[in-house]
Amino acid sequence: MELPRQRLLVVSEELDEAELAALKFLSLEHVPMRRLEAIQKAQDFFEALQEKGMIEAGSLAFLKELLYRLGRIDLLEAQLGSSREEMERELQIPGRAKVSAYRYLLFQLSEDITEDELKSFKFLLGKELPKCRLNPKTTMLDVFIEMEKKGILGEDNLSMLKSLCAEINIILLKRIEEYELNLFGEEEMCIPEEQRGSTRGPEAHARWLASSVAPDSPGSWNESSQLEAYKMTSRPRGVCLILNNHNFAKAREAVPEPKNMKDRNGTDVDAAALRRVFSKLHFTIAEYRDLTAEEIRKIVNIYRCEDHKDKDCFVCCILSHGKKGIVYGVDGQEVPIQELTTSFTGQNCHSLAGKPKVFFVQACQGDACQKGVTIETDSGEQDSSVETDARFQLDCIPAEADFLLGMATLQDYVSYRSPRQGTWYIQALCQHLEYSCPRGEDILTILTAVNQEVSRKSCKPNAEKQMPQPSFTLRKKLIFAVN
C-alpha cells in the first residue's frame, strides 16, 4: 500500500512555523536532534519520520498522535480519518502512545507560558545558557532544548525547571508535580529525585497521558455529586465587566485632598490577565478605565439595564483603591460595594434572576501596613483607625441567592500590589481559573486554592500577610465550562 502522499502534502501546507517546531519537539525521542534542526519545511519533517519508520504504508498512527497532541483535530479528521474520541481511547492503552509523557508535559507547559513569563525564564537562565541562545526570537521550546543540551533538564532531572516555575508561576509547578505523582506515586515522591527509579512502566505513562489529554469535562461533577450546577452553555457566557482605576490624579488635586492616593501601577497587568482568562471562558469583555465614583455608578447602571436573557452569568471585576466596604473612584469619592452588587438582584435586573452574579474586588479594606521596597497597597489612606465590624462581608452582597463576592483581603486589612507583576490576589485568581476550569473544578474549590496561595506570600521586611475572602449565596455549583 502506498503512502497517501497527497494527504501528507495537504497536512504539511496547513501547518505553520510554530506548529512545525512543536511537532519536531514532540518527535525528539524518535528523530535525532541534529536531523530535526536542519528541517525547515513540514514535507521534510514527514520524510524524516518515514526514514525512521514512524510513518509507514498503512500506518499513520504516530502522525495522528502528533496532530492530536497539537490540537489540530480538523486535520486529524479531514485528512487522516480519525477523531478526538478515537484518539482518546487509543492513547489510554499502555504502549500505544509514542510521544513520551515527559516531552508532552514540556509541550503543555510551553503552551501555557505567557510572553512575560518566557522573558522571566530567559532572565533567570542567563548564567546557565549561552546568551546567543536567549535572543528575542527564542521560544519556550527552544529554551527547553537548550536546557536539555546543558544537562539541566531531563526526564529524571526536573529540579531546576521546578525551581524556575516556583519563582515564575506556581501553576506550572503544580502541573509538574501532578505529572510526577502520576508516574511515581506518593511513596516514591518522598524519595529524592536522583534516587527514584529511572524507568516507569507503560501503564504509568498511559495513566498520565490519559489524564492530561482527556481531563474531566466541565460539568462532569454533576454525575458524581448530588449538587446541581448552574447552566453554563450560552455563547457568549455573559459579560465580564472590568472597572480598572489606575490614575488618581483627580483625587490628589481635590481641595481639600480627600485621601493620599497614589496611582495604582501594575493594575493594567491585572486587567490584561482578567481579559485573557475570561475571554478563554467565553465571556464578552467590557473594560473601563479611570472612572470617577459617578462614572462607576453610570457604567454599572448601563449593564444593570442590559438584557441578559440569552446569557448564563454576569461577572464584574473592580480594580481600585478602597477601604472597608467601599471602593474609590479616581476622584477620591466613595462607592459602597453593596450598592454595586445590589444593582444586579432579581428585582433590579430581571434578566439575571436565578443566574450567578460574580464580583471580584481588588482593593484594600482597611489601613495600609508598612510597605516593602517594590510592594504597594491598594489602600487610599494612611492614618485612619482600624474598624472591627465583623458583619462587613455579608453586608456587601445582597441577601438573595446566586451571588458570589470574591474580596482580595479580609475586612480591616490591606491588599498588596506589585507595580510590575500586578496584585497577589488577581494574579493568583487568574492562574487558578486558567488551570482548574478546564478540569471541571467549581469556583469555590478554585477560590480555596487562591486563598491558600495568597496566604503563603509575605511582604518583606515585616512579613505582612494577606488573606482573601469569598462570600456567597450560591445555590448550585458554579463551573466555568471551557468547551
Protein backbone atom coordinates (compact mmCIF):
# COMPACT_ATOMS: atom_id res chain seq x y z
CA MET A 1 0.00 0.00 0.00
CA GLU A 2 1.39 3.39 -0.98
CA LEU A 3 1.57 6.23 1.48
CA PRO A 4 -1.23 8.80 0.99
CA ARG A 5 1.26 11.44 -0.19
CA GLN A 6 -1.47 13.81 -1.33
CA ARG A 7 -2.92 13.85 2.18
CA LEU A 8 0.52 14.40 3.69
CA LEU A 9 1.02 17.32 1.32
CA VAL A 10 -2.28 18.89 2.37
CA VAL A 11 -1.39 18.46 6.05
CA SER A 12 2.08 19.96 5.52
CA GLU A 13 0.62 23.01 3.79
CA GLU A 14 -1.75 23.63 6.70
CA LEU A 15 0.97 23.70 9.37
CA ASP A 16 2.59 26.99 10.31
CA GLU A 17 6.13 27.56 11.58
CA ALA A 18 5.25 27.31 15.26
CA GLU A 19 3.26 24.10 14.74
CA LEU A 20 6.15 22.53 12.82
CA ALA A 21 8.50 23.44 15.68
CA ALA A 22 6.11 21.76 18.12
CA LEU A 23 5.92 18.59 16.02
CA LYS A 24 9.71 18.42 15.84
CA PHE A 25 9.96 18.87 19.61
CA LEU A 26 7.42 16.10 20.27
CA SER A 27 9.41 13.77 17.99
CA LEU A 28 12.81 14.19 19.63
CA GLU A 29 12.76 10.66 21.09
CA HIS A 30 12.43 9.22 17.59
CA VAL A 31 14.41 11.52 15.27
CA PRO A 32 17.91 12.82 16.17
CA MET A 33 18.07 16.46 17.17
CA ARG A 34 20.74 17.19 14.57
CA ARG A 35 18.41 15.92 11.82
CA LEU A 36 15.44 17.89 13.14
CA GLU A 37 17.38 21.14 13.49
CA ALA A 38 18.05 21.17 9.75
CA ILE A 39 14.36 20.82 8.87
CA GLN A 40 12.53 24.00 7.83
CA LYS A 41 9.51 22.55 5.99
CA ALA A 42 6.79 20.15 7.09
CA GLN A 43 7.33 17.98 3.98
CA ASP A 44 10.95 17.42 5.03
CA PHE A 45 9.75 16.57 8.54
CA PHE A 46 7.43 13.88 7.19
CA GLU A 47 10.29 12.46 5.11
CA ALA A 48 12.42 12.25 8.27
CA LEU A 49 9.63 10.32 10.00
CA GLN A 50 9.45 7.92 7.06
CA GLU A 51 13.22 7.36 7.23
CA LYS A 52 12.87 6.34 10.87
CA GLY A 53 9.90 4.10 10.18
CA MET A 54 7.50 6.34 12.14
CA ILE A 55 5.30 6.78 9.04
CA GLU A 56 4.77 3.65 7.02
CA ALA A 57 2.37 2.38 4.39
CA GLY A 58 -0.89 1.60 6.10
CA SER A 59 0.19 3.11 9.43
CA LEU A 60 -0.13 6.77 10.23
CA ALA A 61 -0.64 6.22 13.97
CA PHE A 62 2.28 8.41 15.01
CA LEU A 63 1.25 11.28 12.76
CA LYS A 64 -2.30 11.02 14.08
CA GLU A 65 -0.98 11.23 17.63
CA LEU A 66 1.16 14.25 16.77
CA LEU A 67 -1.78 16.14 15.26
CA TYR A 68 -3.92 15.20 18.25
CA ARG A 69 -1.28 16.45 20.70
CA LEU A 70 -1.01 19.62 18.65
CA GLY A 71 -4.75 20.21 18.80
CA ARG A 72 -5.22 20.08 15.02
CA ILE A 73 -8.36 17.96 15.22
CA ASP A 74 -9.52 19.45 11.92
CA LEU A 75 -6.59 17.87 10.05
CA LEU A 76 -6.88 14.67 12.05
CA GLU A 77 -10.50 14.22 10.98
CA ALA A 78 -10.45 15.59 7.43
CA GLN A 79 -7.14 14.16 6.20
CA LEU A 80 -6.39 11.13 8.38
CA GLY A 81 -9.90 9.84 9.03
CA SER A 82 -9.65 9.77 12.82
CA SER A 83 -11.44 11.65 15.60
CA ARG A 84 -10.75 13.15 19.01
CA GLU A 85 -12.72 10.41 20.77
CA GLU A 86 -10.94 7.64 18.87
CA MET A 87 -7.54 9.08 19.80
CA GLU A 88 -8.52 9.49 23.44
CA ARG A 89 -9.45 5.81 23.61
CA GLU A 90 -6.36 4.72 21.70
CA LEU A 91 -3.87 6.65 23.80
CA GLN A 92 -5.19 5.23 27.06
CA ILE A 93 -3.94 1.77 26.02
CA PRO A 94 -0.49 1.17 27.56
CA GLY A 95 2.26 1.26 24.95
CA ARG A 96 0.23 2.93 22.19
CA ALA A 97 1.45 6.48 22.81
CA LYS A 98 4.75 7.20 21.06
CA VAL A 99 5.17 10.76 22.34
CA SER A 100 6.75 10.44 25.78
CA ALA A 101 4.85 11.70 28.78
CA TYR A 102 7.87 13.84 29.69
CA ARG A 103 8.04 15.56 26.31
CA TYR A 104 4.31 16.14 26.17
CA LEU A 105 4.49 17.71 29.64
CA LEU A 106 7.10 20.19 28.39
CA PHE A 107 4.98 20.97 25.34
CA GLN A 108 1.93 21.64 27.52
CA LEU A 109 3.97 23.92 29.76
CA SER A 110 5.22 25.85 26.74
CA GLU A 111 1.64 26.36 25.57
CA ASP A 112 0.63 27.88 28.92
CA ILE A 113 3.62 30.20 29.39
CA THR A 114 2.99 33.88 28.62
CA GLU A 115 5.41 36.23 26.87
CA ASP A 116 6.29 37.90 30.17
CA GLU A 117 6.89 34.53 31.81
CA LEU A 118 9.11 33.50 28.89
CA LYS A 119 11.19 36.64 29.47
CA SER A 120 11.49 35.69 33.14
CA PHE A 121 12.72 32.20 32.23
CA LYS A 122 15.34 33.68 29.91
CA PHE A 123 16.47 36.14 32.57
CA LEU A 124 16.80 33.51 35.30
CA LEU A 125 18.68 31.17 32.93
CA GLY A 126 21.07 33.91 31.83
CA LYS A 127 24.03 32.33 33.62
CA GLU A 128 23.16 28.75 32.63
CA LEU A 129 22.59 29.10 28.89
CA PRO A 130 24.53 30.96 26.18
CA LYS A 131 23.21 34.48 25.67
CA CYS A 132 23.10 33.94 21.92
CA ARG A 133 20.52 31.21 22.56
CA LEU A 134 18.30 33.55 24.58
CA ASN A 135 17.53 36.16 21.92
CA PRO A 136 14.04 37.68 21.43
CA LYS A 137 13.09 35.00 18.88
CA THR A 138 13.86 32.13 21.26
CA THR A 139 10.67 30.24 22.12
CA MET A 140 9.97 28.27 25.29
CA LEU A 141 10.50 25.03 23.36
CA ASP A 142 13.92 26.38 22.31
CA VAL A 143 14.69 27.09 25.97
CA PHE A 144 13.77 23.53 26.94
CA ILE A 145 16.01 22.13 24.20
CA GLU A 146 18.94 24.29 25.34
CA MET A 147 18.39 23.19 28.95
CA GLU A 148 18.49 19.57 27.78
CA LYS A 149 21.72 20.17 25.86
CA LYS A 150 23.29 21.64 29.01
CA GLY A 151 22.18 18.68 31.08
CA ILE A 152 20.00 20.75 33.43
CA LEU A 153 16.71 19.26 32.22
CA GLY A 154 15.68 15.71 31.51
CA GLU A 155 13.07 13.07 32.19
CA ASP A 156 14.74 12.30 35.53
CA ASN A 157 16.08 15.81 36.09
CA LEU A 158 13.24 18.26 36.66
CA SER A 159 14.63 20.01 39.74
CA MET A 160 15.81 23.20 38.07
CA LEU A 161 12.64 23.51 35.99
CA LYS A 162 10.55 23.15 39.15
CA SER A 163 12.62 25.83 40.90
CA LEU A 164 12.13 28.20 37.98
CA CYS A 165 8.38 27.55 37.86
CA ALA A 166 8.11 28.15 41.62
CA GLU A 167 9.60 31.61 41.03
CA ILE A 168 7.62 32.48 37.90
CA ASN A 169 4.21 30.75 38.02
CA ILE A 170 3.18 28.34 40.76
CA ILE A 171 0.56 26.78 38.48
CA LEU A 172 3.31 25.49 36.19
CA LEU A 173 4.98 23.87 39.20
CA LYS A 174 1.71 22.15 40.11
CA ARG A 175 1.49 20.74 36.59
CA ILE A 176 4.92 19.16 37.00
CA GLU A 177 4.07 17.80 40.46
CA GLU A 178 0.86 16.31 39.07
CA TYR A 179 2.89 14.60 36.35
CA GLU A 180 5.38 13.21 38.89
CA LEU A 181 2.63 11.98 41.18
CA ASN A 182 1.01 10.03 38.34
CA LEU A 183 4.30 8.49 37.24
CA PHE A 184 5.91 7.80 40.61
CA GLY A 185 3.10 7.54 43.13
CA GLU A 186 3.00 9.14 46.56
CA GLU A 187 5.55 6.82 48.20
CA GLU A 188 8.27 7.29 45.60
CA MET A 189 7.62 11.05 45.52
CA CYS A 190 9.04 11.16 49.05
CA ILE A 191 12.37 9.86 47.72
CA PRO A 192 14.89 12.42 46.39
CA GLU A 193 14.66 12.78 42.63
CA GLU A 194 18.10 11.35 41.93
CA GLN A 195 17.29 8.18 43.93
CA ARG A 196 13.97 7.34 42.26
CA GLY A 197 13.60 4.52 39.82
CA SER A 198 14.90 5.52 36.40
CA THR A 199 12.17 3.72 34.50
CA ARG A 200 8.42 3.85 34.64
CA GLY A 201 6.24 1.24 33.03
CA PRO A 202 3.93 1.95 30.09
CA GLU A 203 0.97 1.81 32.48
CA ALA A 204 2.25 4.85 34.38
CA HIS A 205 2.90 6.78 31.17
CA ALA A 206 -0.52 5.88 29.78
CA ARG A 207 -2.19 6.92 33.03
CA TRP A 208 -0.65 10.39 32.96
CA LEU A 209 -1.09 10.85 29.21
CA ALA A 210 -4.75 9.89 29.51
CA SER A 211 -5.31 12.30 32.37
CA SER A 212 -3.55 15.11 30.54
CA VAL A 213 -5.27 14.72 27.17
CA ALA A 214 -8.73 13.83 28.39
CA PRO A 215 -9.44 15.88 31.53
CA ASP A 216 -12.80 15.66 33.20
CA SER A 217 -15.25 17.56 31.09
CA PRO A 218 -16.72 20.69 32.69
CA GLY A 219 -19.86 19.72 34.42
CA SER A 220 -18.82 16.10 34.96
CA TRP A 221 -19.03 16.76 38.68
CA ASN A 222 -22.79 16.54 38.29
CA GLU A 223 -22.56 12.81 37.65
CA SER A 224 -20.87 12.14 40.99
CA SER A 225 -22.42 14.87 43.08
CA GLN A 226 -25.97 15.41 44.17
CA LEU A 227 -25.47 19.16 43.95
CA GLU A 228 -26.78 20.64 40.72
CA ALA A 229 -24.63 23.00 38.65
CA TYR A 230 -25.67 26.31 37.13
CA LYS A 231 -26.28 26.18 33.39
CA MET A 232 -23.15 27.40 31.63
CA THR A 233 -23.58 26.71 27.92
CA SER A 234 -24.54 30.02 26.27
CA ARG A 235 -22.14 31.66 23.82
CA PRO A 236 -21.07 34.10 25.00
CA ARG A 237 -21.49 33.06 28.63
CA GLY A 238 -22.17 36.66 29.56
CA VAL A 239 -20.42 39.96 30.17
CA CYS A 240 -17.19 40.29 32.14
CA LEU A 241 -17.17 43.93 33.21
CA ILE A 242 -13.74 45.23 34.27
CA LEU A 243 -13.57 48.58 36.10
CA ASN A 244 -9.88 49.42 36.15
CA ASN A 245 -8.79 52.54 38.08
CA HIS A 246 -5.13 53.48 37.69
CA ASN A 247 -4.70 57.27 37.59
CA PHE A 248 -5.82 59.02 40.80
CA ALA A 249 -4.56 62.50 39.88
CA LYS A 250 -8.10 63.90 40.25
CA ALA A 251 -8.21 62.70 43.84
CA ARG A 252 -4.82 64.25 44.60
CA GLU A 253 -5.85 67.55 43.01
CA ALA A 254 -9.04 67.86 45.07
CA VAL A 255 -9.20 70.64 47.68
CA PRO A 256 -9.16 69.57 50.38
CA GLU A 257 -7.37 66.42 49.24
CA PRO A 258 -9.68 63.57 50.31
CA LYS A 259 -7.04 60.85 50.52
CA ASN A 260 -3.37 60.36 49.85
CA MET A 261 -3.93 58.20 46.78
CA LYS A 262 -1.07 57.09 44.59
CA ASP A 263 -1.56 55.86 41.05
CA ARG A 264 -2.14 52.08 41.01
CA ASN A 265 0.88 50.98 38.96
CA GLY A 266 0.55 47.33 37.99
CA THR A 267 -3.23 47.35 37.66
CA ASP A 268 -3.01 47.02 33.87
CA VAL A 269 -1.20 43.71 34.34
CA ASP A 270 -4.21 42.52 36.34
CA ALA A 271 -6.66 43.80 33.74
CA ALA A 272 -4.77 42.01 30.95
CA ALA A 273 -4.83 38.74 32.92
CA LEU A 274 -8.57 39.05 33.52
CA ARG A 275 -9.21 39.79 29.84
CA ARG A 276 -7.19 36.77 28.78
CA VAL A 277 -8.79 34.31 31.20
CA PHE A 278 -12.42 35.37 30.84
CA SER A 279 -12.08 35.52 27.06
CA LYS A 280 -10.99 31.88 27.18
CA LEU A 281 -14.05 31.20 29.34
CA HIS A 282 -16.22 32.66 26.54
CA PHE A 283 -17.20 35.94 28.20
CA THR A 284 -17.61 39.21 26.34
CA ILE A 285 -15.08 41.64 27.84
CA ALA A 286 -16.11 45.23 28.64
CA GLU A 287 -13.29 47.24 30.23
CA TYR A 288 -13.46 50.82 31.51
CA ARG A 289 -10.52 52.80 32.87
CA ASP A 290 -10.10 55.60 35.38
CA LEU A 291 -13.71 56.16 36.38
CA THR A 292 -14.94 58.66 38.93
CA ALA A 293 -17.43 57.46 41.53
CA GLU A 294 -20.31 58.81 39.48
CA GLU A 295 -18.98 57.22 36.29
CA ILE A 296 -18.74 53.85 38.09
CA ARG A 297 -22.40 54.17 39.01
CA LYS A 298 -23.37 55.08 35.43
CA ILE A 299 -21.48 52.16 33.88
CA VAL A 300 -22.94 49.70 36.36
CA ASN A 301 -26.42 51.06 35.63
CA ILE A 302 -25.88 50.54 31.89
CA TYR A 303 -25.20 46.84 32.45
CA ARG A 304 -27.98 46.57 35.01
CA CYS A 305 -30.42 47.70 32.32
CA GLU A 306 -28.96 45.45 29.64
CA ASP A 307 -30.91 42.38 28.55
CA HIS A 308 -29.05 39.28 29.82
CA LYS A 309 -31.78 36.76 28.97
CA ASP A 310 -29.58 34.86 26.48
CA LYS A 311 -26.61 34.81 28.87
CA ASP A 312 -25.86 32.39 31.71
CA CYS A 313 -23.76 34.57 34.00
CA PHE A 314 -22.52 38.06 34.84
CA VAL A 315 -19.00 38.87 36.10
CA CYS A 316 -17.75 42.21 37.42
CA CYS A 317 -14.10 42.84 38.35
CA ILE A 318 -13.27 46.03 40.26
CA LEU A 319 -9.65 47.17 40.48
CA SER A 320 -9.22 50.28 42.59
CA HIS A 321 -8.27 51.82 45.93
CA GLY A 322 -10.67 51.12 48.74
CA LYS A 323 -11.43 50.90 52.41
CA LYS A 324 -13.87 48.83 54.42
CA GLY A 325 -17.00 48.18 52.36
CA ILE A 326 -16.24 50.74 49.65
CA VAL A 327 -14.17 51.33 46.53
CA TYR A 328 -12.93 54.72 45.38
CA GLY A 329 -13.47 56.49 42.09
CA VAL A 330 -10.42 58.23 40.66
CA ASP A 331 -11.83 61.47 42.09
CA GLY A 332 -11.48 60.10 45.61
CA GLN A 333 -15.23 59.73 46.11
CA GLU A 334 -16.66 56.57 47.65
CA VAL A 335 -18.89 53.91 46.12
CA PRO A 336 -20.29 51.28 48.51
CA ILE A 337 -19.67 47.76 47.21
CA GLN A 338 -23.15 46.78 48.34
CA GLU A 339 -24.62 49.46 46.07
CA LEU A 340 -22.89 47.84 43.08
CA THR A 341 -23.85 44.26 43.89
CA THR A 342 -27.46 45.14 44.76
CA SER A 343 -27.86 46.65 41.29
CA PHE A 344 -28.00 43.10 39.92
CA THR A 345 -30.56 41.48 42.19
CA GLY A 346 -33.51 39.80 40.51
CA GLN A 347 -35.66 42.79 41.36
CA ASN A 348 -33.25 45.32 39.82
CA CYS A 349 -32.08 43.18 36.88
CA HIS A 350 -34.83 40.73 35.90
CA SER A 351 -32.88 39.00 33.13
CA LEU A 352 -30.23 37.82 35.62
CA ALA A 353 -32.71 36.36 38.10
CA GLY A 354 -31.65 32.84 39.09
CA LYS A 355 -28.29 33.22 37.32
CA PRO A 356 -24.92 33.58 39.05
CA LYS A 357 -23.64 37.11 39.60
CA VAL A 358 -19.90 37.12 40.35
CA PHE A 359 -17.90 40.07 41.71
CA PHE A 360 -14.12 40.15 42.23
CA VAL A 361 -12.88 43.20 44.13
CA GLN A 362 -9.19 44.07 44.26
CA ALA A 363 -8.97 46.86 46.82
CA CYS A 364 -7.86 47.36 50.38
CA GLN A 365 -10.48 47.04 53.10
CA GLY A 366 -8.61 48.77 55.92
CA ASP A 367 -5.43 50.62 56.89
CA ALA A 368 -2.19 50.31 54.96
CA CYS A 369 0.65 48.37 56.58
CA GLN A 370 4.34 49.18 56.29
CA LYS A 371 5.33 48.54 52.69
CA GLY A 372 8.26 46.63 51.27
CA VAL A 373 10.56 48.03 48.61
CA THR A 374 8.54 47.08 45.49
CA ILE A 375 5.18 46.40 47.08
CA GLU A 376 2.34 48.87 47.26
CA THR A 377 -1.04 48.60 48.94
CA ASP A 378 -4.45 49.32 47.48
CA SER A 379 -5.48 51.46 50.41
CA GLY A 380 -6.36 55.06 49.78
CA GLU A 381 -5.46 56.25 53.24
CA GLN A 382 -2.53 56.18 55.61
CA ASP A 383 -3.69 57.16 59.10
CA SER A 384 -7.32 56.18 59.65
CA SER A 385 -8.21 53.97 62.60
CA VAL A 386 -8.91 50.28 62.22
CA GLU A 387 -12.56 49.24 62.29
CA THR A 388 -13.78 45.93 63.66
CA ASP A 389 -17.28 45.47 62.22
CA ALA A 390 -17.29 41.72 61.58
CA ARG A 391 -20.56 41.92 59.64
CA PHE A 392 -18.92 43.65 56.68
CA GLN A 393 -18.51 40.73 54.30
CA LEU A 394 -22.10 39.52 54.43
CA ASP A 395 -23.42 43.07 54.25
CA CYS A 396 -21.65 43.64 50.92
CA ILE A 397 -23.70 41.12 48.97
CA PRO A 398 -27.49 41.03 48.71
CA ALA A 399 -29.37 38.58 50.90
CA GLU A 400 -30.96 36.95 47.87
CA ALA A 401 -29.46 33.91 46.14
CA ASP A 402 -26.93 33.45 43.30
CA PHE A 403 -24.26 35.98 44.29
CA LEU A 404 -20.54 35.46 44.78
CA LEU A 405 -18.23 38.19 46.06
CA GLY A 406 -14.52 37.49 46.00
CA MET A 407 -12.59 40.03 48.07
CA ALA A 408 -8.83 40.42 47.78
CA THR A 409 -8.47 40.72 51.54
CA LEU A 410 -10.24 40.35 54.86
CA GLN A 411 -12.06 43.26 56.45
CA ASP A 412 -9.82 45.90 58.03
CA TYR A 413 -6.73 44.77 56.10
CA VAL A 414 -4.67 45.92 53.12
CA SER A 415 -4.04 44.01 49.90
CA TYR A 416 -0.74 44.06 48.06
CA ARG A 417 0.20 45.03 44.53
CA SER A 418 3.45 44.76 42.62
CA PRO A 419 3.94 47.64 40.14
CA ARG A 420 5.45 45.13 37.67
CA GLN A 421 3.58 41.89 38.27
CA GLY A 422 0.12 43.02 39.40
CA THR A 423 -1.70 42.13 42.60
CA TRP A 424 -1.24 38.95 44.58
CA TYR A 425 -4.97 38.21 44.50
CA ILE A 426 -5.88 38.85 40.86
CA GLN A 427 -2.79 37.10 39.53
CA ALA A 428 -3.42 34.02 41.68
CA LEU A 429 -7.11 34.08 40.75
CA CYS A 430 -6.38 34.18 37.01
CA GLN A 431 -3.73 31.46 37.20
CA HIS A 432 -6.02 29.11 39.11
CA LEU A 433 -9.00 29.80 36.84
CA GLU A 434 -6.85 29.10 33.80
CA TYR A 435 -5.53 25.86 35.30
CA SER A 436 -8.63 24.49 37.04
CA CYS A 437 -11.59 25.44 34.82
CA PRO A 438 -10.57 23.01 32.03
CA ARG A 439 -10.54 20.30 34.72
CA GLY A 440 -14.14 20.97 35.68
CA GLU A 441 -13.44 22.36 39.16
CA ASP A 442 -16.09 24.62 40.66
CA ILE A 443 -15.42 28.22 41.62
CA LEU A 444 -15.44 27.68 45.40
CA THR A 445 -12.79 24.98 45.11
CA ILE A 446 -10.75 27.35 42.93
CA LEU A 447 -11.11 30.25 45.39
CA THR A 448 -9.99 27.99 48.22
CA ALA A 449 -6.80 27.26 46.27
CA VAL A 450 -6.40 31.02 45.69
CA ASN A 451 -6.71 31.59 49.44
CA GLN A 452 -4.01 29.04 50.08
CA GLU A 453 -1.58 30.53 47.55
CA VAL A 454 -2.04 34.17 48.57
CA SER A 455 -1.84 33.35 52.29
CA ARG A 456 1.62 31.85 51.73
CA LYS A 457 3.00 35.11 50.37
CA SER A 458 4.56 37.72 52.62
CA CYS A 459 5.54 41.34 52.24
CA LYS A 460 9.10 41.91 53.42
CA PRO A 461 10.70 43.32 55.54
CA ASN A 462 7.96 42.84 58.15
CA ALA A 463 6.38 39.73 56.64
CA GLU A 464 2.88 41.21 56.40
CA LYS A 465 0.34 38.73 55.10
CA GLN A 466 -2.83 38.83 53.05
CA MET A 467 -5.86 36.54 53.16
CA PRO A 468 -8.62 36.81 50.53
CA GLN A 469 -12.21 36.09 51.49
CA PRO A 470 -15.11 34.92 49.35
CA SER A 471 -18.73 35.43 50.41
CA PHE A 472 -21.57 33.79 48.54
CA THR A 473 -25.23 32.93 48.36
CA LEU A 474 -24.83 30.45 45.51
CA ARG A 475 -27.38 27.63 45.41
CA LYS A 476 -25.56 25.38 42.94
CA LYS A 477 -22.07 24.53 41.81
CA LEU A 478 -20.64 27.27 39.63
CA ILE A 479 -18.40 25.71 36.97
CA PHE A 480 -17.00 27.90 34.20
CA ALA A 481 -17.13 25.47 31.29
CA VAL A 482 -14.32 25.87 28.76
CA ASN A 483 -15.96 23.92 25.90
